[in-house]
Amino acid sequence: MSWSKNGETRGYHHGNLREALIKAALDLIAEKGIAGATFAEAARRAGVSPAAPYRHFRDRDELLAAVAAAGFERFAGALEAGWNGGTPTPQEAYERMGRAYLAFARENPSDYVAMFESGLPADAHPALAQASQRAFGVLREAADVLVASMPAPGRPPALMVALHTWALAHGVASLFGRPDASRRKLPMSPEDLLEAGFLVYLKGVGAPGA
């Protein structure tokens, strides 16, 4: 492939343009926020012509959806590692998974922004929908095990527990766990806040030992 610049014809050879564009988009999000991750600037950062990205992505939304989907895949892996099969107890493993949630958001801020702040409808991007469902599926499976460990009378619905946990973890990550200057100050660590909130929640739903 070739293009002209200042009357000079240049060619480009890229080993993996798709991955280069995804990396460029992540770098732009880190520097300029989600609005700054434009199609043209991602192409420039990747060292290709403005037309080259169309070989892999229909438009900017499709590029950002790929960024978000890749983030959700890594996020699911982080949650699975934190859960670790529910050992040594479901409650300890669930709290550990919450810490893994915060760690991912803190260590991968550009991915996290693409995943939750891009405003893309997941149903319009099948790969994104599948990846996000896989990540939530880890949380839902863990909630199933946790709820099953509670006394049968009065057990809360596992889906409700998973959704409440997700909202709690996401709120702590977004407000107090950010790696930038917009992070709210706390007299405790975000991990301790999440653990305390989770224990209060468990007590509210009648979990033994909460």
N, C-alpha and C. Protein backbone atom coordinates (compact mmCIF):
# COMPACT_ATOMS: atom_id res chain seq x y z
N MET A 1 0.85 -1.18 0.00
CA MET A 1 0.00 0.00 0.00
C MET A 1 0.89 1.23 0.00
N SER A 2 0.45 2.34 -0.63
CA SER A 2 1.25 3.55 -0.66
C SER A 2 0.34 4.76 -0.62
N TRP A 3 0.90 5.90 -0.22
CA TRP A 3 0.18 7.15 -0.25
C TRP A 3 1.18 8.27 -0.48
N SER A 4 0.67 9.44 -0.81
CA SER A 4 1.55 10.57 -1.13
C SER A 4 1.52 11.59 -0.02
N LYS A 5 2.67 12.16 0.26
CA LYS A 5 2.79 13.25 1.22
C LYS A 5 3.83 14.23 0.69
N ASN A 6 3.40 15.48 0.55
CA ASN A 6 4.29 16.51 0.01
C ASN A 6 4.87 16.09 -1.34
N GLY A 7 4.02 15.40 -2.12
CA GLY A 7 4.45 14.99 -3.45
C GLY A 7 5.33 13.78 -3.49
N GLU A 8 5.60 13.21 -2.30
CA GLU A 8 6.49 12.05 -2.26
C GLU A 8 5.67 10.79 -1.96
N THR A 9 5.84 9.78 -2.75
CA THR A 9 5.11 8.53 -2.55
C THR A 9 5.82 7.68 -1.52
N ARG A 10 5.05 7.22 -0.54
CA ARG A 10 5.62 6.41 0.52
C ARG A 10 4.83 5.10 0.64
N GLY A 11 5.50 4.08 1.06
CA GLY A 11 4.82 2.81 1.29
C GLY A 11 4.81 2.51 2.77
N TYR A 12 3.92 1.63 3.16
CA TYR A 12 3.91 1.26 4.57
C TYR A 12 3.86 -0.25 4.68
N HIS A 13 4.56 -0.76 5.67
CA HIS A 13 4.56 -2.18 5.98
C HIS A 13 4.34 -2.31 7.47
N HIS A 14 3.26 -2.93 7.86
CA HIS A 14 2.93 -3.03 9.27
C HIS A 14 2.67 -4.48 9.62
N GLY A 15 3.38 -4.97 10.61
CA GLY A 15 3.23 -6.37 10.99
C GLY A 15 1.85 -6.70 11.51
N ASN A 16 1.29 -5.84 12.36
CA ASN A 16 -0.02 -6.08 12.92
C ASN A 16 -0.72 -4.75 13.11
N LEU A 17 -1.34 -4.27 12.05
CA LEU A 17 -1.96 -2.95 12.08
C LEU A 17 -3.10 -2.89 13.08
N ARG A 18 -3.89 -3.93 13.16
CA ARG A 18 -5.03 -3.92 14.08
C ARG A 18 -4.57 -3.68 15.52
N GLU A 19 -3.57 -4.42 15.96
CA GLU A 19 -3.08 -4.26 17.33
C GLU A 19 -2.41 -2.90 17.52
N ALA A 20 -1.75 -2.41 16.48
CA ALA A 20 -1.11 -1.09 16.58
C ALA A 20 -2.15 0.00 16.75
N LEU A 21 -3.27 -0.12 16.07
CA LEU A 21 -4.33 0.87 16.19
C LEU A 21 -4.98 0.81 17.57
N ILE A 22 -5.16 -0.39 18.10
CA ILE A 22 -5.73 -0.53 19.44
C ILE A 22 -4.80 0.09 20.47
N LYS A 23 -3.51 -0.15 20.34
CA LYS A 23 -2.55 0.45 21.27
C LYS A 23 -2.55 1.97 21.14
N ALA A 24 -2.63 2.46 19.91
CA ALA A 24 -2.65 3.90 19.70
C ALA A 24 -3.89 4.51 20.35
N ALA A 25 -5.03 3.83 20.23
CA ALA A 25 -6.26 4.34 20.84
C ALA A 25 -6.13 4.37 22.36
N LEU A 26 -5.52 3.34 22.95
CA LEU A 26 -5.31 3.32 24.40
C LEU A 26 -4.40 4.47 24.84
N ASP A 27 -3.35 4.72 24.08
CA ASP A 27 -2.45 5.82 24.41
C ASP A 27 -3.18 7.17 24.34
N LEU A 28 -4.03 7.32 23.34
CA LEU A 28 -4.78 8.57 23.19
C LEU A 28 -5.77 8.76 24.33
N ILE A 29 -6.42 7.68 24.73
CA ILE A 29 -7.34 7.78 25.87
C ILE A 29 -6.59 8.21 27.12
N ALA A 30 -5.40 7.65 27.32
CA ALA A 30 -4.60 8.01 28.48
C ALA A 30 -4.21 9.48 28.46
N GLU A 31 -3.95 10.01 27.29
CA GLU A 31 -3.47 11.39 27.18
C GLU A 31 -4.59 12.42 27.07
N LYS A 32 -5.67 12.04 26.35
CA LYS A 32 -6.69 13.05 26.00
C LYS A 32 -8.10 12.67 26.41
N GLY A 33 -8.27 11.49 27.00
CA GLY A 33 -9.62 11.05 27.33
C GLY A 33 -10.28 10.38 26.13
N ILE A 34 -11.47 9.87 26.35
CA ILE A 34 -12.14 9.09 25.31
C ILE A 34 -12.43 9.94 24.06
N ALA A 35 -12.72 11.24 24.25
CA ALA A 35 -13.02 12.10 23.10
C ALA A 35 -11.80 12.32 22.23
N GLY A 36 -10.62 12.19 22.81
CA GLY A 36 -9.40 12.43 22.04
C GLY A 36 -8.93 11.25 21.23
N ALA A 37 -9.59 10.11 21.39
CA ALA A 37 -9.20 8.91 20.64
C ALA A 37 -9.90 8.90 19.30
N THR A 38 -9.42 9.74 18.38
CA THR A 38 -10.04 9.84 17.07
C THR A 38 -9.42 8.83 16.11
N PHE A 39 -10.17 8.53 15.08
CA PHE A 39 -9.72 7.56 14.07
C PHE A 39 -8.46 8.07 13.38
N ALA A 40 -8.48 9.34 12.98
CA ALA A 40 -7.34 9.90 12.24
C ALA A 40 -6.09 9.95 13.10
N GLU A 41 -6.24 10.33 14.38
CA GLU A 41 -5.07 10.43 15.25
C GLU A 41 -4.52 9.04 15.57
N ALA A 42 -5.40 8.06 15.71
CA ALA A 42 -4.93 6.69 15.95
C ALA A 42 -4.11 6.20 14.75
N ALA A 43 -4.56 6.53 13.55
CA ALA A 43 -3.82 6.15 12.35
C ALA A 43 -2.45 6.83 12.33
N ARG A 44 -2.43 8.12 12.69
CA ARG A 44 -1.15 8.84 12.70
C ARG A 44 -0.20 8.23 13.72
N ARG A 45 -0.72 7.91 14.91
CA ARG A 45 0.12 7.31 15.94
C ARG A 45 0.66 5.95 15.51
N ALA A 46 -0.15 5.23 14.75
CA ALA A 46 0.28 3.91 14.28
C ALA A 46 1.22 4.00 13.09
N GLY A 47 1.38 5.21 12.54
CA GLY A 47 2.30 5.42 11.44
C GLY A 47 1.77 5.01 10.09
N VAL A 48 0.44 5.13 9.94
CA VAL A 48 -0.16 4.73 8.66
C VAL A 48 -1.02 5.87 8.12
N SER A 49 -1.50 5.74 6.91
CA SER A 49 -2.32 6.76 6.30
C SER A 49 -3.70 6.79 6.95
N PRO A 50 -4.44 7.89 6.83
CA PRO A 50 -5.78 7.98 7.41
C PRO A 50 -6.74 6.92 6.87
N ALA A 51 -6.46 6.41 5.68
CA ALA A 51 -7.35 5.40 5.09
C ALA A 51 -7.03 3.99 5.56
N ALA A 52 -5.82 3.77 6.06
CA ALA A 52 -5.39 2.42 6.41
C ALA A 52 -6.25 1.74 7.47
N PRO A 53 -6.74 2.44 8.51
CA PRO A 53 -7.53 1.75 9.54
C PRO A 53 -8.80 1.09 9.02
N TYR A 54 -9.29 1.57 7.87
CA TYR A 54 -10.53 1.01 7.34
C TYR A 54 -10.35 -0.43 6.86
N ARG A 55 -9.12 -0.88 6.80
CA ARG A 55 -8.88 -2.29 6.47
C ARG A 55 -9.35 -3.20 7.60
N HIS A 56 -9.41 -2.65 8.82
CA HIS A 56 -9.76 -3.47 9.98
C HIS A 56 -11.00 -2.99 10.72
N PHE A 57 -11.30 -1.69 10.65
CA PHE A 57 -12.41 -1.14 11.42
C PHE A 57 -13.28 -0.26 10.52
N ARG A 58 -14.59 -0.39 10.70
CA ARG A 58 -15.52 0.39 9.88
C ARG A 58 -15.43 1.88 10.21
N ASP A 59 -15.25 2.19 11.51
CA ASP A 59 -15.19 3.59 11.95
C ASP A 59 -14.60 3.65 13.35
N ARG A 60 -14.60 4.82 13.93
CA ARG A 60 -14.03 5.02 15.26
C ARG A 60 -14.74 4.15 16.31
N ASP A 61 -16.05 4.07 16.22
CA ASP A 61 -16.79 3.27 17.20
C ASP A 61 -16.35 1.82 17.17
N GLU A 62 -16.11 1.30 15.99
CA GLU A 62 -15.68 -0.09 15.90
C GLU A 62 -14.28 -0.27 16.48
N LEU A 63 -13.43 0.71 16.31
CA LEU A 63 -12.10 0.65 16.92
C LEU A 63 -12.22 0.67 18.44
N LEU A 64 -13.01 1.60 18.98
CA LEU A 64 -13.17 1.68 20.43
C LEU A 64 -13.85 0.43 20.99
N ALA A 65 -14.75 -0.16 20.22
CA ALA A 65 -15.39 -1.40 20.66
C ALA A 65 -14.37 -2.52 20.77
N ALA A 66 -13.42 -2.55 19.84
CA ALA A 66 -12.36 -3.56 19.91
C ALA A 66 -11.46 -3.33 21.11
N VAL A 67 -11.18 -2.06 21.40
CA VAL A 67 -10.38 -1.72 22.59
C VAL A 67 -11.11 -2.18 23.85
N ALA A 68 -12.40 -1.87 23.93
CA ALA A 68 -13.18 -2.23 25.11
C ALA A 68 -13.32 -3.75 25.25
N ALA A 69 -13.52 -4.45 24.13
CA ALA A 69 -13.66 -5.90 24.18
C ALA A 69 -12.38 -6.56 24.68
N ALA A 70 -11.23 -6.07 24.20
CA ALA A 70 -9.96 -6.61 24.67
C ALA A 70 -9.78 -6.35 26.16
N GLY A 71 -10.23 -5.17 26.61
CA GLY A 71 -10.16 -4.85 28.02
C GLY A 71 -11.02 -5.78 28.85
N PHE A 72 -12.23 -6.04 28.40
CA PHE A 72 -13.12 -6.93 29.13
C PHE A 72 -12.57 -8.36 29.20
N GLU A 73 -11.88 -8.78 28.16
CA GLU A 73 -11.29 -10.12 28.18
C GLU A 73 -10.22 -10.21 29.27
N ARG A 74 -9.37 -9.19 29.35
CA ARG A 74 -8.35 -9.18 30.40
C ARG A 74 -8.97 -9.02 31.78
N PHE A 75 -10.03 -8.23 31.84
CA PHE A 75 -10.74 -8.01 33.09
C PHE A 75 -11.33 -9.33 33.60
N ALA A 76 -11.93 -10.10 32.71
CA ALA A 76 -12.48 -11.40 33.11
C ALA A 76 -11.38 -12.29 33.66
N GLY A 77 -10.22 -12.29 33.02
CA GLY A 77 -9.11 -13.10 33.50
C GLY A 77 -8.65 -12.66 34.88
N ALA A 78 -8.64 -11.34 35.12
CA ALA A 78 -8.23 -10.83 36.44
C ALA A 78 -9.24 -11.24 37.52
N LEU A 79 -10.52 -11.18 37.20
CA LEU A 79 -11.55 -11.59 38.16
C LEU A 79 -11.46 -13.08 38.44
N GLU A 80 -11.24 -13.88 37.41
CA GLU A 80 -11.11 -15.32 37.59
C GLU A 80 -9.92 -15.66 38.49
N ALA A 81 -8.81 -14.95 38.28
CA ALA A 81 -7.63 -15.19 39.11
C ALA A 81 -7.91 -14.80 40.55
N GLY A 82 -8.63 -13.71 40.76
CA GLY A 82 -8.97 -13.28 42.10
C GLY A 82 -9.91 -14.27 42.79
N TRP A 83 -10.88 -14.75 42.07
CA TRP A 83 -11.85 -15.71 42.62
C TRP A 83 -11.19 -17.05 42.92
N ASN A 84 -10.36 -17.51 42.01
CA ASN A 84 -9.57 -18.73 42.20
C ASN A 84 -10.40 -19.91 42.69
N GLY A 85 -11.53 -20.11 42.05
CA GLY A 85 -12.36 -21.27 42.39
C GLY A 85 -13.06 -21.18 43.73
N GLY A 86 -13.06 -20.00 44.36
CA GLY A 86 -13.75 -19.84 45.62
C GLY A 86 -12.99 -20.34 46.84
N THR A 87 -11.67 -20.48 46.72
CA THR A 87 -10.86 -20.97 47.84
C THR A 87 -10.24 -19.81 48.60
N PRO A 88 -9.97 -19.95 49.89
CA PRO A 88 -10.28 -21.10 50.74
C PRO A 88 -11.75 -21.15 51.19
N THR A 89 -12.42 -19.97 51.20
CA THR A 89 -13.86 -19.92 51.46
C THR A 89 -14.48 -18.98 50.45
N PRO A 90 -15.76 -19.16 50.12
CA PRO A 90 -16.39 -18.27 49.15
C PRO A 90 -16.33 -16.80 49.55
N GLN A 91 -16.49 -16.51 50.84
CA GLN A 91 -16.48 -15.11 51.26
C GLN A 91 -15.09 -14.50 51.08
N GLU A 92 -14.05 -15.20 51.49
CA GLU A 92 -12.69 -14.68 51.32
C GLU A 92 -12.36 -14.52 49.84
N ALA A 93 -12.75 -15.50 49.05
CA ALA A 93 -12.46 -15.43 47.61
C ALA A 93 -13.24 -14.29 46.95
N TYR A 94 -14.46 -14.06 47.42
CA TYR A 94 -15.27 -12.97 46.85
C TYR A 94 -14.63 -11.62 47.15
N GLU A 95 -14.15 -11.45 48.38
CA GLU A 95 -13.47 -10.20 48.73
C GLU A 95 -12.19 -10.04 47.92
N ARG A 96 -11.49 -11.15 47.72
CA ARG A 96 -10.25 -11.09 46.92
C ARG A 96 -10.55 -10.71 45.48
N MET A 97 -11.67 -11.19 44.96
CA MET A 97 -12.07 -10.83 43.61
C MET A 97 -12.37 -9.33 43.52
N GLY A 98 -12.98 -8.79 44.59
CA GLY A 98 -13.22 -7.34 44.62
C GLY A 98 -11.94 -6.55 44.57
N ARG A 99 -10.92 -7.03 45.27
CA ARG A 99 -9.62 -6.36 45.22
C ARG A 99 -9.02 -6.46 43.81
N ALA A 100 -9.23 -7.59 43.15
CA ALA A 100 -8.74 -7.75 41.78
C ALA A 100 -9.45 -6.77 40.85
N TYR A 101 -10.73 -6.51 41.12
CA TYR A 101 -11.49 -5.53 40.35
C TYR A 101 -10.83 -4.16 40.45
N LEU A 102 -10.56 -3.73 41.69
CA LEU A 102 -9.95 -2.42 41.89
C LEU A 102 -8.55 -2.35 41.28
N ALA A 103 -7.80 -3.43 41.41
CA ALA A 103 -6.44 -3.44 40.87
C ALA A 103 -6.47 -3.30 39.35
N PHE A 104 -7.40 -3.97 38.70
CA PHE A 104 -7.49 -3.85 37.24
C PHE A 104 -7.81 -2.42 36.84
N ALA A 105 -8.79 -1.81 37.51
CA ALA A 105 -9.18 -0.44 37.17
C ALA A 105 -8.02 0.53 37.38
N ARG A 106 -7.23 0.32 38.43
CA ARG A 106 -6.12 1.22 38.73
C ARG A 106 -4.95 1.01 37.77
N GLU A 107 -4.68 -0.24 37.42
CA GLU A 107 -3.51 -0.55 36.59
C GLU A 107 -3.78 -0.44 35.10
N ASN A 108 -5.05 -0.42 34.71
CA ASN A 108 -5.41 -0.35 33.29
C ASN A 108 -6.45 0.75 33.07
N PRO A 109 -6.12 1.98 33.40
CA PRO A 109 -7.13 3.04 33.35
C PRO A 109 -7.69 3.31 31.96
N SER A 110 -6.87 3.22 30.93
CA SER A 110 -7.37 3.47 29.58
C SER A 110 -8.35 2.37 29.16
N ASP A 111 -8.02 1.12 29.47
CA ASP A 111 -8.95 0.03 29.18
C ASP A 111 -10.27 0.26 29.90
N TYR A 112 -10.18 0.64 31.17
CA TYR A 112 -11.37 0.80 32.00
C TYR A 112 -12.26 1.92 31.45
N VAL A 113 -11.64 3.00 31.01
CA VAL A 113 -12.41 4.09 30.40
C VAL A 113 -13.10 3.60 29.13
N ALA A 114 -12.38 2.89 28.28
CA ALA A 114 -12.97 2.38 27.05
C ALA A 114 -14.12 1.42 27.35
N MET A 115 -13.96 0.61 28.38
CA MET A 115 -14.98 -0.38 28.74
C MET A 115 -16.26 0.25 29.25
N PHE A 116 -16.14 1.33 30.05
CA PHE A 116 -17.30 1.85 30.75
C PHE A 116 -17.69 3.29 30.41
N GLU A 117 -16.86 4.00 29.65
CA GLU A 117 -17.16 5.41 29.38
C GLU A 117 -17.22 5.74 27.89
N SER A 118 -17.13 4.74 27.04
CA SER A 118 -17.14 5.01 25.60
C SER A 118 -18.54 5.27 25.06
N GLY A 119 -19.57 4.87 25.82
CA GLY A 119 -20.94 5.11 25.39
C GLY A 119 -21.40 4.26 24.22
N LEU A 120 -20.70 3.16 23.98
CA LEU A 120 -21.06 2.30 22.85
C LEU A 120 -22.15 1.30 23.24
N PRO A 121 -23.16 1.12 22.39
CA PRO A 121 -24.17 0.10 22.69
C PRO A 121 -23.59 -1.29 22.43
N ALA A 122 -23.53 -2.10 23.47
CA ALA A 122 -22.90 -3.42 23.33
C ALA A 122 -23.61 -4.27 22.29
N ASP A 123 -24.93 -4.13 22.18
CA ASP A 123 -25.66 -5.00 21.23
C ASP A 123 -25.33 -4.68 19.78
N ALA A 124 -24.68 -3.53 19.54
CA ALA A 124 -24.28 -3.19 18.17
C ALA A 124 -22.89 -3.72 17.84
N HIS A 125 -22.22 -4.28 18.85
CA HIS A 125 -20.86 -4.79 18.67
C HIS A 125 -20.77 -6.17 19.33
N PRO A 126 -21.03 -7.24 18.59
CA PRO A 126 -21.12 -8.58 19.18
C PRO A 126 -19.91 -9.00 19.99
N ALA A 127 -18.70 -8.70 19.53
CA ALA A 127 -17.51 -9.11 20.27
C ALA A 127 -17.44 -8.40 21.61
N LEU A 128 -17.82 -7.14 21.64
CA LEU A 128 -17.86 -6.38 22.89
C LEU A 128 -18.90 -6.96 23.83
N ALA A 129 -20.08 -7.27 23.31
CA ALA A 129 -21.14 -7.85 24.14
C ALA A 129 -20.69 -9.17 24.74
N GLN A 130 -20.06 -10.00 23.93
CA GLN A 130 -19.61 -11.30 24.41
C GLN A 130 -18.55 -11.17 25.49
N ALA A 131 -17.60 -10.27 25.30
CA ALA A 131 -16.52 -10.10 26.27
C ALA A 131 -17.05 -9.53 27.58
N SER A 132 -17.96 -8.56 27.51
CA SER A 132 -18.50 -7.97 28.73
C SER A 132 -19.35 -8.98 29.48
N GLN A 133 -20.10 -9.80 28.75
CA GLN A 133 -20.91 -10.84 29.39
C GLN A 133 -20.03 -11.90 30.06
N ARG A 134 -18.89 -12.20 29.44
CA ARG A 134 -17.98 -13.15 30.06
C ARG A 134 -17.45 -12.62 31.39
N ALA A 135 -17.09 -11.33 31.40
CA ALA A 135 -16.58 -10.73 32.64
C ALA A 135 -17.65 -10.75 33.72
N PHE A 136 -18.86 -10.34 33.38
CA PHE A 136 -19.93 -10.36 34.38
C PHE A 136 -20.25 -11.79 34.79
N GLY A 137 -20.07 -12.72 33.85
CA GLY A 137 -20.33 -14.13 34.17
C GLY A 137 -19.44 -14.65 35.28
N VAL A 138 -18.21 -14.16 35.35
CA VAL A 138 -17.32 -14.56 36.44
C VAL A 138 -17.89 -14.10 37.76
N LEU A 139 -18.35 -12.86 37.79
CA LEU A 139 -18.95 -12.30 39.01
C LEU A 139 -20.24 -13.04 39.36
N ARG A 140 -21.04 -13.36 38.36
CA ARG A 140 -22.30 -14.06 38.62
C ARG A 140 -22.04 -15.47 39.15
N GLU A 141 -21.09 -16.17 38.59
CA GLU A 141 -20.77 -17.52 39.05
C GLU A 141 -20.27 -17.49 40.50
N ALA A 142 -19.44 -16.50 40.82
CA ALA A 142 -18.95 -16.37 42.19
C ALA A 142 -20.10 -16.07 43.14
N ALA A 143 -21.04 -15.23 42.72
CA ALA A 143 -22.19 -14.92 43.56
C ALA A 143 -23.05 -16.16 43.78
N ASP A 144 -23.18 -17.00 42.77
CA ASP A 144 -23.93 -18.25 42.92
C ASP A 144 -23.34 -19.11 44.03
N VAL A 145 -22.01 -19.23 44.02
CA VAL A 145 -21.33 -20.05 45.03
C VAL A 145 -21.47 -19.41 46.41
N LEU A 146 -21.30 -18.08 46.46
CA LEU A 146 -21.40 -17.38 47.73
C LEU A 146 -22.79 -17.54 48.34
N VAL A 147 -23.81 -17.33 47.55
CA VAL A 147 -25.18 -17.43 48.04
C VAL A 147 -25.50 -18.87 48.46
N ALA A 148 -24.97 -19.84 47.72
CA ALA A 148 -25.22 -21.24 48.07
C ALA A 148 -24.62 -21.61 49.42
N SER A 149 -23.62 -20.83 49.87
CA SER A 149 -22.99 -21.11 51.17
C SER A 149 -23.80 -20.53 52.32
N MET A 150 -24.83 -19.75 52.03
CA MET A 150 -25.66 -19.14 53.05
C MET A 150 -26.78 -20.11 53.46
N PRO A 151 -27.35 -19.94 54.65
CA PRO A 151 -28.48 -20.77 55.06
C PRO A 151 -29.63 -20.65 54.08
N ALA A 152 -30.29 -21.75 53.80
CA ALA A 152 -31.34 -21.76 52.78
C ALA A 152 -32.47 -20.77 53.04
N PRO A 153 -33.01 -20.69 54.24
CA PRO A 153 -34.10 -19.71 54.44
C PRO A 153 -33.59 -18.28 54.28
N GLY A 154 -34.22 -17.53 53.42
CA GLY A 154 -33.87 -16.13 53.26
C GLY A 154 -32.67 -15.85 52.39
N ARG A 155 -32.20 -16.84 51.64
CA ARG A 155 -31.08 -16.56 50.72
C ARG A 155 -31.46 -15.47 49.72
N PRO A 156 -30.59 -14.50 49.49
CA PRO A 156 -30.90 -13.49 48.48
C PRO A 156 -30.68 -14.07 47.09
N PRO A 157 -31.32 -13.50 46.08
CA PRO A 157 -31.08 -13.96 44.71
C PRO A 157 -29.62 -13.70 44.31
N ALA A 158 -28.99 -14.69 43.73
CA ALA A 158 -27.58 -14.55 43.36
C ALA A 158 -27.37 -13.44 42.34
N LEU A 159 -28.28 -13.28 41.41
CA LEU A 159 -28.13 -12.22 40.41
C LEU A 159 -28.16 -10.85 41.08
N MET A 160 -29.04 -10.68 42.05
CA MET A 160 -29.10 -9.42 42.78
C MET A 160 -27.78 -9.15 43.49
N VAL A 161 -27.21 -10.18 44.14
CA VAL A 161 -25.94 -10.02 44.84
C VAL A 161 -24.84 -9.64 43.85
N ALA A 162 -24.81 -10.29 42.69
CA ALA A 162 -23.80 -10.00 41.68
C ALA A 162 -23.92 -8.55 41.20
N LEU A 163 -25.15 -8.11 40.95
CA LEU A 163 -25.35 -6.74 40.46
C LEU A 163 -25.00 -5.70 41.53
N HIS A 164 -25.39 -5.97 42.77
CA HIS A 164 -25.05 -5.04 43.85
C HIS A 164 -23.53 -4.98 44.05
N THR A 165 -22.88 -6.13 43.98
CA THR A 165 -21.42 -6.16 44.13
C THR A 165 -20.74 -5.40 43.01
N TRP A 166 -21.23 -5.58 41.80
CA TRP A 166 -20.67 -4.88 40.64
C TRP A 166 -20.81 -3.37 40.83
N ALA A 167 -22.00 -2.93 41.26
CA ALA A 167 -22.23 -1.50 41.46
C ALA A 167 -21.31 -0.94 42.55
N LEU A 168 -21.15 -1.70 43.62
CA LEU A 168 -20.28 -1.26 44.72
C LEU A 168 -18.83 -1.15 44.27
N ALA A 169 -18.33 -2.21 43.62
CA ALA A 169 -16.94 -2.22 43.17
C ALA A 169 -16.69 -1.14 42.13
N HIS A 170 -17.63 -0.97 41.21
CA HIS A 170 -17.45 0.04 40.17
C HIS A 170 -17.47 1.44 40.77
N GLY A 171 -18.34 1.66 41.74
CA GLY A 171 -18.41 2.97 42.38
C GLY A 171 -17.11 3.31 43.11
N VAL A 172 -16.58 2.36 43.86
CA VAL A 172 -15.34 2.59 44.59
C VAL A 172 -14.20 2.83 43.60
N ALA A 173 -14.14 2.01 42.54
CA ALA A 173 -13.08 2.16 41.55
C ALA A 173 -13.15 3.52 40.86
N SER A 174 -14.35 3.96 40.50
CA SER A 174 -14.52 5.20 39.75
C SER A 174 -14.27 6.43 40.60
N LEU A 175 -14.67 6.38 41.88
CA LEU A 175 -14.53 7.55 42.74
C LEU A 175 -13.21 7.61 43.50
N PHE A 176 -12.77 6.46 43.99
CA PHE A 176 -11.65 6.46 44.92
C PHE A 176 -10.43 5.66 44.45
N GLY A 177 -10.59 4.88 43.40
CA GLY A 177 -9.49 4.04 42.96
C GLY A 177 -8.80 4.48 41.70
N ARG A 178 -9.13 5.67 41.21
CA ARG A 178 -8.52 6.15 39.96
C ARG A 178 -7.05 6.48 40.19
N PRO A 179 -6.23 6.29 39.15
CA PRO A 179 -4.80 6.59 39.30
C PRO A 179 -4.45 8.03 38.93
N ASP A 180 -5.45 8.90 38.83
CA ASP A 180 -5.18 10.27 38.41
C ASP A 180 -5.67 11.27 39.46
N ALA A 181 -5.57 12.54 39.13
CA ALA A 181 -5.88 13.60 40.09
C ALA A 181 -7.36 13.70 40.41
N SER A 182 -8.23 13.06 39.63
CA SER A 182 -9.67 13.13 39.91
C SER A 182 -10.10 12.17 41.01
N ARG A 183 -9.16 11.39 41.51
CA ARG A 183 -9.48 10.46 42.60
C ARG A 183 -9.88 11.22 43.86
N ARG A 184 -11.01 10.83 44.47
CA ARG A 184 -11.43 11.44 45.74
C ARG A 184 -10.55 10.92 46.87
N LYS A 185 -10.26 11.78 47.83
CA LYS A 185 -9.41 11.37 48.94
C LYS A 185 -10.22 10.59 49.97
N LEU A 186 -9.55 9.66 50.59
CA LEU A 186 -10.17 8.79 51.59
C LEU A 186 -9.25 8.63 52.78
N PRO A 187 -9.84 8.45 53.98
CA PRO A 187 -8.99 8.15 55.14
C PRO A 187 -8.60 6.68 55.22
N MET A 188 -8.93 5.92 54.18
CA MET A 188 -8.60 4.50 54.12
C MET A 188 -8.31 4.16 52.67
N SER A 189 -7.81 2.98 52.43
CA SER A 189 -7.55 2.57 51.04
C SER A 189 -8.86 2.19 50.36
N PRO A 190 -8.92 2.30 49.03
CA PRO A 190 -10.12 1.86 48.32
C PRO A 190 -10.43 0.38 48.61
N GLU A 191 -9.39 -0.43 48.77
CA GLU A 191 -9.60 -1.85 49.05
C GLU A 191 -10.29 -2.04 50.40
N ASP A 192 -9.86 -1.27 51.39
CA ASP A 192 -10.50 -1.38 52.72
C ASP A 192 -11.93 -0.88 52.67
N LEU A 193 -12.17 0.19 51.90
CA LEU A 193 -13.53 0.71 51.77
C LEU A 193 -14.44 -0.33 51.12
N LEU A 194 -13.95 -0.97 50.06
CA LEU A 194 -14.76 -1.97 49.38
C LEU A 194 -15.03 -3.16 50.30
N GLU A 195 -14.01 -3.59 51.04
CA GLU A 195 -14.21 -4.72 51.95
C GLU A 195 -15.23 -4.38 53.03
N ALA A 196 -15.13 -3.17 53.59
CA ALA A 196 -16.08 -2.76 54.62
C ALA A 196 -17.49 -2.69 54.06
N GLY A 197 -17.62 -2.11 52.86
CA GLY A 197 -18.93 -2.02 52.23
C GLY A 197 -19.51 -3.39 51.94
N PHE A 198 -18.66 -4.29 51.52
CA PHE A 198 -19.11 -5.64 51.20
C PHE A 198 -19.56 -6.37 52.47
N LEU A 199 -18.82 -6.21 53.57
CA LEU A 199 -19.20 -6.86 54.83
C LEU A 199 -20.52 -6.31 55.35
N VAL A 200 -20.72 -5.00 55.24
CA VAL A 200 -22.00 -4.41 55.63
C VAL A 200 -23.13 -4.97 54.77
N TYR A 201 -22.85 -5.10 53.48
CA TYR A 201 -23.86 -5.65 52.57
C TYR A 201 -24.20 -7.09 52.95
N LEU A 202 -23.17 -7.91 53.20
CA LEU A 202 -23.42 -9.30 53.57
C LEU A 202 -24.25 -9.39 54.85
N LYS A 203 -23.94 -8.53 55.80
CA LYS A 203 -24.71 -8.53 57.03
C LYS A 203 -26.18 -8.17 56.74
N GLY A 204 -26.35 -7.23 55.81
CA GLY A 204 -27.71 -6.81 55.46
C GLY A 204 -28.53 -7.92 54.83
N VAL A 205 -27.89 -8.81 54.09
CA VAL A 205 -28.62 -9.90 53.45
C VAL A 205 -28.59 -11.16 54.31
N GLY A 206 -28.08 -11.04 55.53
CA GLY A 206 -28.15 -12.15 56.46
C GLY A 206 -27.12 -13.23 56.30
N ALA A 207 -25.96 -12.90 55.71
CA ALA A 207 -24.92 -13.92 55.55
C ALA A 207 -24.32 -14.24 56.91
N PRO A 208 -24.08 -15.53 57.21
CA PRO A 208 -23.48 -15.88 58.49
C PRO A 208 -22.03 -15.42 58.57
N GLY A 209 -21.63 -14.93 59.74
CA GLY A 209 -20.25 -14.53 59.94
C GLY A 209 -19.92 -13.17 59.40
N ALA A 210 -20.92 -12.46 58.82
CA ALA A 210 -20.64 -11.13 58.25
C ALA A 210 -20.34 -10.12 59.34
